[in-house]
Structure formats: C-alpha cells, structure tokens
PDB file of N, CA and C in Angstrom:
ATOM      1  N   MET A   1       3.740  -0.129 -10.830  1.00  0.00           N
ATOM      2  CA  MET A   1       4.173  -0.646 -10.413  1.00  0.00           C
ATOM      3  C   MET A   1       4.381  -1.291  -8.989  1.00  0.00           C
ATOM      4  N   SER A   2       5.263  -2.746  -9.180  1.00  0.00           N
ATOM      5  CA  SER A   2       5.359  -3.211  -7.803  1.00  0.00           C
ATOM      6  C   SER A   2       6.088  -2.537  -6.890  1.00  0.00           C
ATOM      7  N   ASP A   3       5.609  -3.309  -5.447  1.00  0.00           N
ATOM      8  CA  ASP A   3       6.226  -2.860  -4.367  1.00  0.00           C
ATOM      9  C   ASP A   3       7.703  -3.444  -4.523  1.00  0.00           C
ATOM     10  N   PRO A   4       8.471  -2.159  -4.377  1.00  0.00           N
ATOM     11  CA  PRO A   4       9.900  -2.421  -4.276  1.00  0.00           C
ATOM     12  C   PRO A   4      10.856  -3.115  -3.332  1.00  0.00           C
ATOM     13  N   ARG A   5       9.844  -2.949  -1.834  1.00  0.00           N
ATOM     14  CA  ARG A   5      10.696  -3.528  -0.434  1.00  0.00           C
ATOM     15  C   ARG A   5      10.876  -5.046  -0.321  1.00  0.00           C
ATOM     16  N   THR A   6      11.806  -5.133   0.462  1.00  0.00           N
ATOM     17  CA  THR A   6      11.966  -6.512   0.986  1.00  0.00           C
ATOM     18  C   THR A   6      12.162  -6.284   2.366  1.00  0.00           C
ATOM     19  N   PHE A   7      12.472  -7.151   2.781  1.00  0.00           N
ATOM     20  CA  PHE A   7      12.802  -6.892   4.131  1.00  0.00           C
ATOM     21  C   PHE A   7      14.683  -7.750   4.935  1.00  0.00           C
ATOM     22  N   ASP A   8      15.055  -6.720   5.531  1.00  0.00           N
ATOM     23  CA  ASP A   8      16.376  -7.184   6.266  1.00  0.00           C
ATOM     24  C   ASP A   8      16.552  -8.489   7.124  1.00  0.00           C
ATOM     25  N   VAL A   9      17.428  -8.528   7.493  1.00  0.00           N
ATOM     26  CA  VAL A   9      17.534  -9.882   8.267  1.00  0.00           C
ATOM     27  C   VAL A   9      17.029  -9.827   9.998  1.00  0.00           C
ATOM     28  N   ASP A  10      16.211  -8.445  10.362  1.00  0.00           N
ATOM     29  CA  ASP A  10      15.863  -8.240  11.005  1.00  0.00           C
ATOM     30  C   ASP A  10      14.234  -7.883  10.868  1.00  0.00           C
ATOM     31  N   GLY A  11      14.015  -8.392   9.802  1.00  0.00           N
ATOM     32  CA  GLY A  11      12.497  -8.245   9.577  1.00  0.00           C
ATOM     33  C   GLY A  11      12.316  -6.280   9.369  1.00  0.00           C
ATOM     34  N   VAL A  12      13.193  -5.679   9.110  1.00  0.00           N
ATOM     35  CA  VAL A  12      12.845  -3.700   8.950  1.00  0.00           C
ATOM     36  C   VAL A  12      12.358  -3.961   7.649  1.00  0.00           C
ATOM     37  N   PRO A  13      11.262  -3.273   6.677  1.00  0.00           N
ATOM     38  CA  PRO A  13      11.409  -3.108   5.519  1.00  0.00           C
ATOM     39  C   PRO A  13      12.194  -2.475   4.970  1.00  0.00           C
ATOM     40  N   THR A  14      12.856  -2.780   3.782  1.00  0.00           N
ATOM     41  CA  THR A  14      14.055  -1.787   2.725  1.00  0.00           C
ATOM     42  C   THR A  14      13.505  -2.037   1.494  1.00  0.00           C
ATOM     43  N   THR A  15      14.239  -0.806   1.378  1.00  0.00           N
ATOM     44  CA  THR A  15      14.488  -0.326  -0.596  1.00  0.00           C
ATOM     45  C   THR A  15      15.446   0.053  -0.829  1.00  0.00           C
ATOM     46  N   THR A  16      15.986   0.084  -1.908  1.00  0.00           N
ATOM     47  CA  THR A  16      17.287   0.941  -2.738  1.00  0.00           C
ATOM     48  C   THR A  16      16.840   2.128  -3.232  1.00  0.00           C
ATOM     49  N   ALA A  17      17.420   3.121  -3.000  1.00  0.00           N
ATOM     50  CA  ALA A  17      17.513   4.007  -3.859  1.00  0.00           C
ATOM     51  C   ALA A  17      17.179   3.931  -5.399  1.00  0.00           C
ATOM     52  N   SER A  18      17.755   3.293  -6.104  1.00  0.00           N
ATOM     53  CA  SER A  18      17.632   2.820  -7.313  1.00  0.00           C
ATOM     54  C   SER A  18      16.206   2.446  -7.598  1.00  0.00           C
ATOM     55  N   ASP A  19      15.431   1.446  -6.938  1.00  0.00           N
ATOM     56  CA  ASP A  19      14.221   0.731  -6.914  1.00  0.00           C
ATOM     57  C   ASP A  19      13.128   2.422  -6.705  1.00  0.00           C
ATOM     58  N   LEU A  20      13.319   3.162  -5.742  1.00  0.00           N
ATOM     59  CA  LEU A  20      12.314   3.810  -5.528  1.00  0.00           C
ATOM     60  C   LEU A  20      11.699   4.688  -6.592  1.00  0.00           C
ATOM     61  N   ALA A  21      10.658   4.887  -6.635  1.00  0.00           N
ATOM     62  CA  ALA A  21       9.889   5.664  -7.918  1.00  0.00           C
ATOM     63  C   ALA A  21      10.211   7.223  -7.717  1.00  0.00           C
ATOM     64  N   ASP A  22       9.857   7.627  -8.953  1.00  0.00           N
ATOM     65  CA  ASP A  22      10.628   9.090  -8.853  1.00  0.00           C
ATOM     66  C   ASP A  22       9.351   9.695  -7.902  1.00  0.00           C
ATOM     67  N   ASP A  23       8.234   9.291  -7.672  1.00  0.00           N
ATOM     68  CA  ASP A  23       7.283   9.907  -6.950  1.00  0.00           C
ATOM     69  C   ASP A  23       7.050   9.427  -5.362  1.00  0.00           C
ATOM     70  N   ALA A  24       7.940   8.587  -5.164  1.00  0.00           N
ATOM     71  CA  ALA A  24       7.741   8.087  -3.923  1.00  0.00           C
ATOM     72  C   ALA A  24       7.972   9.162  -2.871  1.00  0.00           C
ATOM     73  N   VAL A  25       7.134   9.070  -1.810  1.00  0.00           N
ATOM     74  CA  VAL A  25       7.051   9.676  -0.832  1.00  0.00           C
ATOM     75  C   VAL A  25       7.978   9.507   0.330  1.00  0.00           C
ATOM     76  N   VAL A  26       9.376  10.708   0.837  1.00  0.00           N
ATOM     77  CA  VAL A  26      10.364  10.348   1.438  1.00  0.00           C
ATOM     78  C   VAL A  26      10.418  10.975   2.469  1.00  0.00           C
ATOM     79  N   VAL A  27      10.681  10.837   3.845  1.00  0.00           N
ATOM     80  CA  VAL A  27      11.224  11.300   4.969  1.00  0.00           C
ATOM     81  C   VAL A  27      12.500  11.343   5.331  1.00  0.00           C
ATOM     82  N   ASP A  28      12.983  12.570   5.032  1.00  0.00           N
ATOM     83  CA  ASP A  28      14.906  12.461   5.554  1.00  0.00           C
ATOM     84  C   ASP A  28      15.057  13.027   6.828  1.00  0.00           C
ATOM     85  N   VAL A  29      15.753  12.060   7.315  1.00  0.00           N
ATOM     86  CA  VAL A  29      15.980  12.281   8.850  1.00  0.00           C
ATOM     87  C   VAL A  29      17.039  12.981   9.289  1.00  0.00           C
ATOM     88  N   ARG A  30      17.991  12.740   8.503  1.00  0.00           N
ATOM     89  CA  ARG A  30      19.308  13.909   8.646  1.00  0.00           C
ATOM     90  C   ARG A  30      19.321  15.556   9.328  1.00  0.00           C
ATOM     91  N   GLU A  31      20.179  15.872   9.816  1.00  0.00           N
ATOM     92  CA  GLU A  31      20.312  16.872  10.644  1.00  0.00           C
ATOM     93  C   GLU A  31      20.421  18.090   9.495  1.00  0.00           C
ATOM     94  N   ASP A  32      19.879  19.435   9.738  1.00  0.00           N
ATOM     95  CA  ASP A  32      19.987  20.472   9.073  1.00  0.00           C
ATOM     96  C   ASP A  32      20.905  20.655   7.982  1.00  0.00           C
ATOM     97  N   ASP A  33      22.301  20.440   8.647  1.00  0.00           N
ATOM     98  CA  ASP A  33      23.464  20.921   7.859  1.00  0.00           C
ATOM     99  C   ASP A  33      23.517  19.649   6.300  1.00  0.00           C
ATOM    100  N   GLU A  34      23.056  18.429   7.279  1.00  0.00           N
ATOM    101  CA  GLU A  34      23.112  17.380   6.156  1.00  0.00           C
ATOM    102  C   GLU A  34      22.168  17.779   5.031  1.00  0.00           C
ATOM    103  N   TRP A  35      21.078  18.035   5.238  1.00  0.00           N
ATOM    104  CA  TRP A  35      20.045  18.589   4.458  1.00  0.00           C
ATOM    105  C   TRP A  35      20.160  19.760   3.523  1.00  0.00           C
ATOM    106  N   ALA A  36      20.764  21.097   3.977  1.00  0.00           N
ATOM    107  CA  ALA A  36      21.185  22.087   3.475  1.00  0.00           C
ATOM    108  C   ALA A  36      21.753  21.349   2.381  1.00  0.00           C
ATOM    109  N   ALA A  37      22.851  20.457   2.845  1.00  0.00           N
ATOM    110  CA  ALA A  37      24.084  20.302   1.348  1.00  0.00           C
ATOM    111  C   ALA A  37      23.472  19.773   0.319  1.00  0.00           C
ATOM    112  N   GLY A  38      22.538  18.571   0.269  1.00  0.00           N
ATOM    113  CA  GLY A  38      21.856  18.112  -0.488  1.00  0.00           C
ATOM    114  C   GLY A  38      20.673  17.029   0.124  1.00  0.00           C
ATOM    115  N   HIS A  39      19.569  17.416  -0.860  1.00  0.00           N
ATOM    116  CA  HIS A  39      18.608  16.593  -0.412  1.00  0.00           C
ATOM    117  C   HIS A  39      17.728  16.377  -1.562  1.00  0.00           C
ATOM    118  N   ILE A  40      16.694  15.194  -1.399  1.00  0.00           N
ATOM    119  CA  ILE A  40      15.608  15.183  -3.035  1.00  0.00           C
ATOM    120  C   ILE A  40      14.532  16.015  -2.743  1.00  0.00           C
ATOM    121  N   ALA A  41      14.430  16.470  -3.869  1.00  0.00           N
ATOM    122  CA  ALA A  41      13.622  17.972  -3.915  1.00  0.00           C
ATOM    123  C   ALA A  41      11.825  17.722  -3.123  1.00  0.00           C
ATOM    124  N   THR A  42      11.728  16.791  -3.398  1.00  0.00           N
ATOM    125  CA  THR A  42      10.249  16.651  -2.511  1.00  0.00           C
ATOM    126  C   THR A  42      10.512  15.739  -1.398  1.00  0.00           C
ATOM    127  N   ALA A  43      11.453  15.399  -0.747  1.00  0.00           N
ATOM    128  CA  ALA A  43      11.086  14.970   0.800  1.00  0.00           C
ATOM    129  C   ALA A  43      10.640  15.866   1.699  1.00  0.00           C
ATOM    130  N   LEU A  44      10.088  15.342   2.698  1.00  0.00           N
ATOM    131  CA  LEU A  44       9.763  15.784   3.955  1.00  0.00           C
ATOM    132  C   LEU A  44      11.233  16.012   4.946  1.00  0.00           C
ATOM    133  N   HIS A  45      11.244  17.258   5.298  1.00  0.00           N
ATOM    134  CA  HIS A  45      13.054  17.348   6.402  1.00  0.00           C
ATOM    135  C   HIS A  45      12.207  17.033   8.084  1.00  0.00           C
ATOM    136  N   ILE A  46      12.494  15.692   8.706  1.00  0.00           N
ATOM    137  CA  ILE A  46      12.400  15.906  10.141  1.00  0.00           C
ATOM    138  C   ILE A  46      13.398  14.917  10.701  1.00  0.00           C
ATOM    139  N   PRO A  47      14.356  15.942  11.362  1.00  0.00           N
ATOM    140  CA  PRO A  47      15.585  15.252  11.900  1.00  0.00           C
ATOM    141  C   PRO A  47      15.015  14.028  13.010  1.00  0.00           C
ATOM    142  N   MET A  48      15.957  12.928  12.467  1.00  0.00           N
ATOM    143  CA  MET A  48      15.356  11.894  13.553  1.00  0.00           C
ATOM    144  C   MET A  48      14.806  12.041  15.305  1.00  0.00           C
ATOM    145  N   GLY A  49      15.530  13.020  15.753  1.00  0.00           N
ATOM    146  CA  GLY A  49      15.281  13.180  17.299  1.00  0.00           C
ATOM    147  C   GLY A  49      14.332  14.192  17.156  1.00  0.00           C
ATOM    148  N   GLN A  50      13.780  14.683  16.221  1.00  0.00           N
ATOM    149  CA  GLN A  50      12.234  15.255  16.340  1.00  0.00           C
ATOM    150  C   GLN A  50      11.165  14.314  15.795  1.00  0.00           C
ATOM    151  N   VAL A  51      11.192  12.952  15.320  1.00  0.00           N
ATOM    152  CA  VAL A  51      10.263  12.455  14.930  1.00  0.00           C
ATOM    153  C   VAL A  51       9.258  12.540  15.876  1.00  0.00           C
ATOM    154  N   PRO A  52       9.230  12.024  17.204  1.00  0.00           N
ATOM    155  CA  PRO A  52       8.354  11.585  17.845  1.00  0.00           C
ATOM    156  C   PRO A  52       7.065  12.945  17.977  1.00  0.00           C
ATOM    157  N   GLN A  53       8.206  13.839  18.297  1.00  0.00           N
ATOM    158  CA  GLN A  53       7.218  14.903  18.609  1.00  0.00           C
ATOM    159  C   GLN A  53       6.145  15.957  17.177  1.00  0.00           C
ATOM    160  N   ARG A  54       7.114  15.184  15.669  1.00  0.00           N
ATOM    161  CA  ARG A  54       6.386  15.491  14.865  1.00  0.00           C
ATOM    162  C   ARG A  54       5.551  14.779  13.848  1.00  0.00           C
ATOM    163  N   LEU A  55       4.928  13.487  14.639  1.00  0.00           N
ATOM    164  CA  LEU A  55       4.172  12.537  14.036  1.00  0.00           C
ATOM    165  C   LEU A  55       3.132  13.169  13.077  1.00  0.00           C
ATOM    166  N   GLU A  56       2.119  14.374  13.603  1.00  0.00           N
ATOM    167  CA  GLU A  56       1.188  14.594  13.030  1.00  0.00           C
ATOM    168  C   GLU A  56       1.900  15.502  11.379  1.00  0.00           C
ATOM    169  N   GLU A  57       3.138  15.572  11.178  1.00  0.00           N
ATOM    170  CA  GLU A  57       3.662  15.855   9.827  1.00  0.00           C
ATOM    171  C   GLU A  57       3.747  14.180   8.897  1.00  0.00           C
ATOM    172  N   LEU A  58       4.159  13.662   9.477  1.00  0.00           N
ATOM    173  CA  LEU A  58       4.263  12.851   8.735  1.00  0.00           C
ATOM    174  C   LEU A  58       2.971  11.957   7.486  1.00  0.00           C
ATOM    175  N   PRO A  59       3.938  11.552   6.260  1.00  0.00           N
ATOM    176  CA  PRO A  59       2.336  11.583   5.381  1.00  0.00           C
ATOM    177  C   PRO A  59       1.510  10.542   5.654  1.00  0.00           C
ATOM    178  N   GLU A  60       0.168  10.398   5.211  1.00  0.00           N
ATOM    179  CA  GLU A  60      -0.334   9.278   5.100  1.00  0.00           C
ATOM    180  C   GLU A  60       0.108   8.460   4.524  1.00  0.00           C
ATOM    181  N   GLY A  61      -0.187   6.763   4.388  1.00  0.00           N
ATOM    182  CA  GLY A  61       0.266   5.537   3.811  1.00  0.00           C
ATOM    183  C   GLY A  61       1.676   5.511   4.092  1.00  0.00           C
ATOM    184  N   PRO A  62       1.725   4.506   3.096  1.00  0.00           N
ATOM    185  CA  PRO A  62       3.333   4.138   3.330  1.00  0.00           C
ATOM    186  C   PRO A  62       4.260   5.352   2.729  1.00  0.00           C
ATOM    187  N   PHE A  63       5.221   5.257   3.168  1.00  0.00           N
ATOM    188  CA  PHE A  63       6.693   6.563   3.065  1.00  0.00           C
ATOM    189  C   PHE A  63       7.833   5.502   3.165  1.00  0.00           C
ATOM    190  N   ASN A  64       8.869   6.275   2.699  1.00  0.00           N
ATOM    191  CA  ASN A  64      10.406   6.251   2.843  1.00  0.00           C
ATOM    192  C   ASN A  64      11.134   6.781   3.775  1.00  0.00           C
ATOM    193  N   VAL A  65      12.164   6.153   4.662  1.00  0.00           N
ATOM    194  CA  VAL A  65      12.714   7.054   5.425  1.00  0.00           C
ATOM    195  C   VAL A  65      14.124   7.317   5.132  1.00  0.00           C
ATOM    196  N   VAL A  66      14.828   8.141   4.826  1.00  0.00           N
ATOM    197  CA  VAL A  66      16.093   8.361   4.165  1.00  0.00           C
ATOM    198  C   VAL A  66      17.175   8.706   5.455  1.00  0.00           C
ATOM    199  N   CYS A  67      18.494   8.811   5.410  1.00  0.00           N
ATOM    200  CA  CYS A  67      19.289   9.410   6.023  1.00  0.00           C
ATOM    201  C   CYS A  67      20.744   9.208   5.231  1.00  0.00           C
ATOM    202  N   ARG A  68      21.740   9.772   5.878  1.00  0.00           N
ATOM    203  CA  ARG A  68      23.276   9.757   5.060  1.00  0.00           C
ATOM    204  C   ARG A  68      23.636   8.428   4.428  1.00  0.00           C
ATOM    205  N   SER A  69      23.339   7.166   5.418  1.00  0.00           N
ATOM    206  CA  SER A  69      23.863   5.908   4.832  1.00  0.00           C
ATOM    207  C   SER A  69      22.738   4.805   5.188  1.00  0.00           C
ATOM    208  N   GLY A  70      22.043   5.219   6.185  1.00  0.00           N
ATOM    209  CA  GLY A  70      20.855   4.312   6.492  1.00  0.00           C
ATOM    210  C   GLY A  70      20.813   3.415   7.887  1.00  0.00           C
ATOM    211  N   GLY A  71      21.603   4.098   8.615  1.00  0.00           N
ATOM    212  CA  GLY A  71      21.735   3.580  10.079  1.00  0.00           C
ATOM    213  C   GLY A  71      20.768   4.389  10.621  1.00  0.00           C
ATOM    214  N   ARG A  72      20.593   5.468  10.677  1.00  0.00           N
ATOM    215  CA  ARG A  72      19.621   6.479  11.318  1.00  0.00           C
ATOM    216  C   ARG A  72      18.322   6.099  11.129  1.00  0.00           C
ATOM    217  N   SER A  73      18.376   5.888   9.523  1.00  0.00           N
ATOM    218  CA  SER A  73      16.770   5.765   8.857  1.00  0.00           C
ATOM    219  C   SER A  73      16.343   4.260   9.183  1.00  0.00           C
ATOM    220  N   ARG A  74      16.909   3.135   9.408  1.00  0.00           N
ATOM    221  CA  ARG A  74      16.796   2.285   9.734  1.00  0.00           C
ATOM    222  C   ARG A  74      15.843   2.221  11.312  1.00  0.00           C
ATOM    223  N   ARG A  75      17.021   3.030  12.007  1.00  0.00           N
ATOM    224  CA  ARG A  75      16.097   3.036  13.388  1.00  0.00           C
ATOM    225  C   ARG A  75      14.605   3.553  13.406  1.00  0.00           C
ATOM    226  N   THR A  76      14.837   4.448  12.512  1.00  0.00           N
ATOM    227  CA  THR A  76      13.750   5.354  12.752  1.00  0.00           C
ATOM    228  C   THR A  76      12.643   4.479  12.106  1.00  0.00           C
ATOM    229  N   VAL A  77      12.699   3.829  10.769  1.00  0.00           N
ATOM    230  CA  VAL A  77      11.571   3.033  10.374  1.00  0.00           C
ATOM    231  C   VAL A  77      11.728   1.940  11.500  1.00  0.00           C
ATOM    232  N   GLU A  78      12.077   1.170  12.288  1.00  0.00           N
ATOM    233  CA  GLU A  78      11.924   0.087  13.397  1.00  0.00           C
ATOM    234  C   GLU A  78      10.962   0.525  14.094  1.00  0.00           C
ATOM    235  N   TRP A  79      11.791   2.295  14.497  1.00  0.00           N
ATOM    236  CA  TRP A  79      10.474   2.585  15.690  1.00  0.00           C
ATOM    237  C   TRP A  79       9.004   2.849  15.193  1.00  0.00           C
ATOM    238  N   LEU A  80       9.008   3.556  13.986  1.00  0.00           N
ATOM    239  CA  LEU A  80       7.795   4.026  13.342  1.00  0.00           C
ATOM    240  C   LEU A  80       6.830   3.003  13.240  1.00  0.00           C
ATOM    241  N   GLN A  81       7.749   1.575  13.221  1.00  0.00           N
ATOM    242  CA  GLN A  81       6.851   0.645  12.729  1.00  0.00           C
ATOM    243  C   GLN A  81       5.986  -0.502  13.933  1.00  0.00           C
ATOM    244  N   ARG A  82       7.107  -0.128  15.267  1.00  0.00           N
ATOM    245  CA  ARG A  82       6.531  -0.312  16.125  1.00  0.00           C
ATOM    246  C   ARG A  82       5.351   0.206  16.648  1.00  0.00           C
ATOM    247  N   ASN A  83       5.074   1.554  15.976  1.00  0.00           N
ATOM    248  CA  ASN A  83       3.865   2.476  16.338  1.00  0.00           C
ATOM    249  C   ASN A  83       3.133   2.857  15.470  1.00  0.00           C
ATOM    250  N   GLY A  84       3.060   2.085  14.706  1.00  0.00           N
ATOM    251  CA  GLY A  84       1.938   1.709  13.581  1.00  0.00           C
ATOM    252  C   GLY A  84       2.026   2.522  12.200  1.00  0.00           C
ATOM    253  N   TYR A  85       3.002   2.730  11.769  1.00  0.00           N
ATOM    254  CA  TYR A  85       3.554   3.416  10.654  1.00  0.00           C
ATOM    255  C   TYR A  85       3.987   2.831   9.529  1.00  0.00           C
ATOM    256  N   ASP A  86       3.556   2.804   8.495  1.00  0.00           N
ATOM    257  CA  ASP A  86       4.057   1.880   7.375  1.00  0.00           C
ATOM    258  C   ASP A  86       5.411   2.774   6.566  1.00  0.00           C
ATOM    259  N   ALA A  87       6.382   2.285   7.347  1.00  0.00           N
ATOM    260  CA  ALA A  87       7.734   2.989   6.915  1.00  0.00           C
ATOM    261  C   ALA A  87       9.106   1.796   6.053  1.00  0.00           C
ATOM    262  N   VAL A  88       9.353   2.700   5.257  1.00  0.00           N
ATOM    263  CA  VAL A  88      10.629   1.468   4.889  1.00  0.00           C
ATOM    264  C   VAL A  88      11.773   2.565   4.801  1.00  0.00           C
ATOM    265  N   ASN A  89      12.956   1.474   5.368  1.00  0.00           N
ATOM    266  CA  ASN A  89      14.114   1.838   5.210  1.00  0.00           C
ATOM    267  C   ASN A  89      14.794   2.566   3.554  1.00  0.00           C
ATOM    268  N   VAL A  90      15.634   3.241   3.762  1.00  0.00           N
ATOM    269  CA  VAL A  90      16.065   3.241   1.903  1.00  0.00           C
ATOM    270  C   VAL A  90      17.500   3.048   2.322  1.00  0.00           C
ATOM    271  N   ASP A  91      17.917   1.592   2.032  1.00  0.00           N
ATOM    272  CA  ASP A  91      19.277   1.414   2.338  1.00  0.00           C
ATOM    273  C   ASP A  91      20.069   2.194   1.819  1.00  0.00           C
ATOM    274  N   GLY A  92      21.695   2.287   2.516  1.00  0.00           N
ATOM    275  CA  GLY A  92      22.737   3.283   1.749  1.00  0.00           C
ATOM    276  C   GLY A  92      22.386   4.515   2.036  1.00  0.00           C
ATOM    277  N   GLY A  93      20.897   4.979   2.117  1.00  0.00           N
ATOM    278  CA  GLY A  93      20.569   6.467   2.581  1.00  0.00           C
ATOM    279  C   GLY A  93      21.069   7.263   1.194  1.00  0.00           C
ATOM    280  N   MET A  94      21.002   8.460   1.341  1.00  0.00           N
ATOM    281  CA  MET A  94      21.576   9.638   1.028  1.00  0.00           C
ATOM    282  C   MET A  94      22.985   9.477  -0.113  1.00  0.00           C
ATOM    283  N   GLY A  95      23.950   8.751   0.537  1.00  0.00           N
ATOM    284  CA  GLY A  95      25.172   8.124  -0.391  1.00  0.00           C
ATOM    285  C   GLY A  95      24.726   7.385  -1.482  1.00  0.00           C
ATOM    286  N   ALA A  96      23.419   5.932  -1.096  1.00  0.00           N
ATOM    287  CA  ALA A  96      23.483   5.230  -2.395  1.00  0.00           C
ATOM    288  C   ALA A  96      22.365   6.020  -3.246  1.00  0.00           C
ATOM    289  N   TRP A  97      21.744   7.173  -3.122  1.00  0.00           N
ATOM    290  CA  TRP A  97      20.975   7.982  -3.706  1.00  0.00           C
ATOM    291  C   TRP A  97      21.929   8.813  -4.855  1.00  0.00           C
ATOM    292  N   ALA A  98      22.668   9.349  -4.305  1.00  0.00           N
ATOM    293  CA  ALA A  98      23.920   9.856  -5.321  1.00  0.00           C
ATOM    294  C   ALA A  98      24.513   9.246  -6.534  1.00  0.00           C
ATOM    295  N   GLU A  99      24.959   7.885  -5.262  1.00  0.00           N
ATOM    296  CA  GLU A  99      25.839   6.629  -6.608  1.00  0.00           C
ATOM    297  C   GLU A  99      25.104   6.640  -7.839  1.00  0.00           C
ATOM    298  N   ALA A 100      23.633   6.671  -7.529  1.00  0.00           N
ATOM    299  CA  ALA A 100      22.828   6.033  -8.538  1.00  0.00           C
ATOM    300  C   ALA A 100      22.249   7.279  -9.480  1.00  0.00           C
ATOM    301  N   GLY A 101      23.080   8.449  -8.911  1.00  0.00           N
ATOM    302  CA  GLY A 101      22.366   9.439  -9.978  1.00  0.00           C
ATOM    303  C   GLY A 101      21.104  10.034  -9.979  1.00  0.00           C
ATOM    304  N   ARG A 102      20.673   9.618  -8.711  1.00  0.00           N
ATOM    305  CA  ARG A 102      19.368  10.233  -8.745  1.00  0.00           C
ATOM    306  C   ARG A 102      19.394  11.913  -8.268  1.00  0.00           C
ATOM    307  N   PRO A 103      18.331  12.705  -8.800  1.00  0.00           N
ATOM    308  CA  PRO A 103      18.609  14.209  -8.435  1.00  0.00           C
ATOM    309  C   PRO A 103      18.781  14.650  -7.225  1.00  0.00           C
ATOM    310  N   MET A 104      19.132  15.755  -6.705  1.00  0.00           N
ATOM    311  CA  MET A 104      19.406  16.308  -5.482  1.00  0.00           C
ATOM    312  C   MET A 104      19.160  17.930  -5.525  1.00  0.00           C
ATOM    313  N   VAL A 105      19.012  18.606  -4.602  1.00  0.00           N
ATOM    314  CA  VAL A 105      19.049  20.169  -4.734  1.00  0.00           C
ATOM    315  C   VAL A 105      19.519  20.354  -3.528  1.00  0.00           C
ATOM    316  N   SER A 106      20.235  21.887  -3.358  1.00  0.00           N
ATOM    317  CA  SER A 106      20.818  22.119  -2.376  1.00  0.00           C
ATOM    318  C   SER A 106      19.959  23.464  -1.633  1.00  0.00           C
ATOM    319  N   ASP A 107      20.136  23.815  -0.398  1.00  0.00           N
ATOM    320  CA  ASP A 107      19.573  24.798  -0.037  1.00  0.00           C
ATOM    321  C   ASP A 107      20.405  26.154  -0.219  1.00  0.00           C
ATOM    322  N   SER A 108      21.777  26.180  -0.901  1.00  0.00           N
ATOM    323  CA  SER A 108      22.323  27.210  -1.321  1.00  0.00           C
ATOM    324  C   SER A 108      22.360  27.560  -2.362  1.00  0.00           C
ATOM    325  N   GLY A 109      22.001  26.630  -3.305  1.00  0.00           N
ATOM    326  CA  GLY A 109      21.596  26.633  -4.957  1.00  0.00           C
ATOM    327  C   GLY A 109      22.773  26.065  -5.522  1.00  0.00           C
ATOM    328  N   GLN A 110      24.066  25.936  -4.963  1.00  0.00           N
ATOM    329  CA  GLN A 110      25.362  25.603  -5.288  1.00  0.00           C
ATOM    330  C   GLN A 110      24.995  23.876  -5.578  1.00  0.00           C
ATOM    331  N   GLU A 111      26.128  23.498  -6.216  1.00  0.00           N
ATOM    332  CA  GLU A 111      25.810  21.992  -6.406  1.00  0.00           C
ATOM    333  C   GLU A 111      25.678  20.854  -4.759  1.00  0.00           C
ATOM    334  N   PRO A 112      24.504  20.000  -5.187  1.00  0.00           N
ATOM    335  CA  PRO A 112      24.006  19.559  -4.168  1.00  0.00           C
ATOM    336  C   PRO A 112      25.509  18.209  -3.462  1.00  0.00           C
ATOM    337  N   PHE A 113      25.139  18.284  -2.520  1.00  0.00           N
ATOM    338  CA  PHE A 113      26.375  16.911  -2.092  1.00  0.00           C
ATOM    339  C   PHE A 113      25.921  16.200  -0.605  1.00  0.00           C
ATOM    340  N   VAL A 114      26.358  15.008  -0.495  1.00  0.00           N
ATOM    341  CA  VAL A 114      26.031  14.343   0.396  1.00  0.00           C
ATOM    342  C   VAL A 114      27.054  14.862   1.774  1.00  0.00           C
ATOM    343  N   ARG A 115      26.406  15.087   2.606  1.00  0.00           N
ATOM    344  CA  ARG A 115      27.373  15.276   4.104  1.00  0.00           C
ATOM    345  C   ARG A 115      26.761  14.659   4.913  1.00  0.00           C
TER     346      ARG A 115
END
C-alpha cells in the first residue's frame, strides 16, 4: 500500500481515518474517559500530557496519532516530529474514524462512541 500521508499547510504530516490501513499503528492521546468510551482496538493509549514521560512506550518506525477531532493529535505530532519521531496526525480524529464506519471497542463492553 502506498504511503497515505500528506502535509497540512504548516507541514505537519497528516492522513485521514479512511486512508489508514487496517493494521496501521495508532497512538491515541485522548484522556482516560474518552478512551474508555470508544477506541481503536489495537491503539496504544498515552494521554497527550503523558507523552514526554512515556516516550519509551512509543512504537518503532512510523505511527499515527489520534485524538477526538485532530487538534491535540496535531500538536502532539508537531512535538514528536521536532524530537525525531516519524508521527502522522489523523485528521478529524476519532470523530472522523467513527464517521468512516471504522471499528471501535469500549472498555465497558457497551456500544462504543466518541466522547
């Protein structure tokens, strides 16, 4: 599969939820309650404010960063890029993920939703 990323007007690498491969590596930077309500089953959860302290948990190689609507993940990707990581922002975040009909799970076992 070709590389689905593009760059926004500020040069931040970006992709869309619908362009992500099913096996894409994703880091979710939302808060605990947002994560619990609904998330990508294979995503790694590291809230945005904890990223600098948890760098050793980040995946090797390129990975995608998601939040609720794309703002926090964009800021996280900017910071990660400045610090040598190959991170890509998921434009539109989990809202776009849900709108694209992509699968989610919840921690409660109830129907997942984006909080």
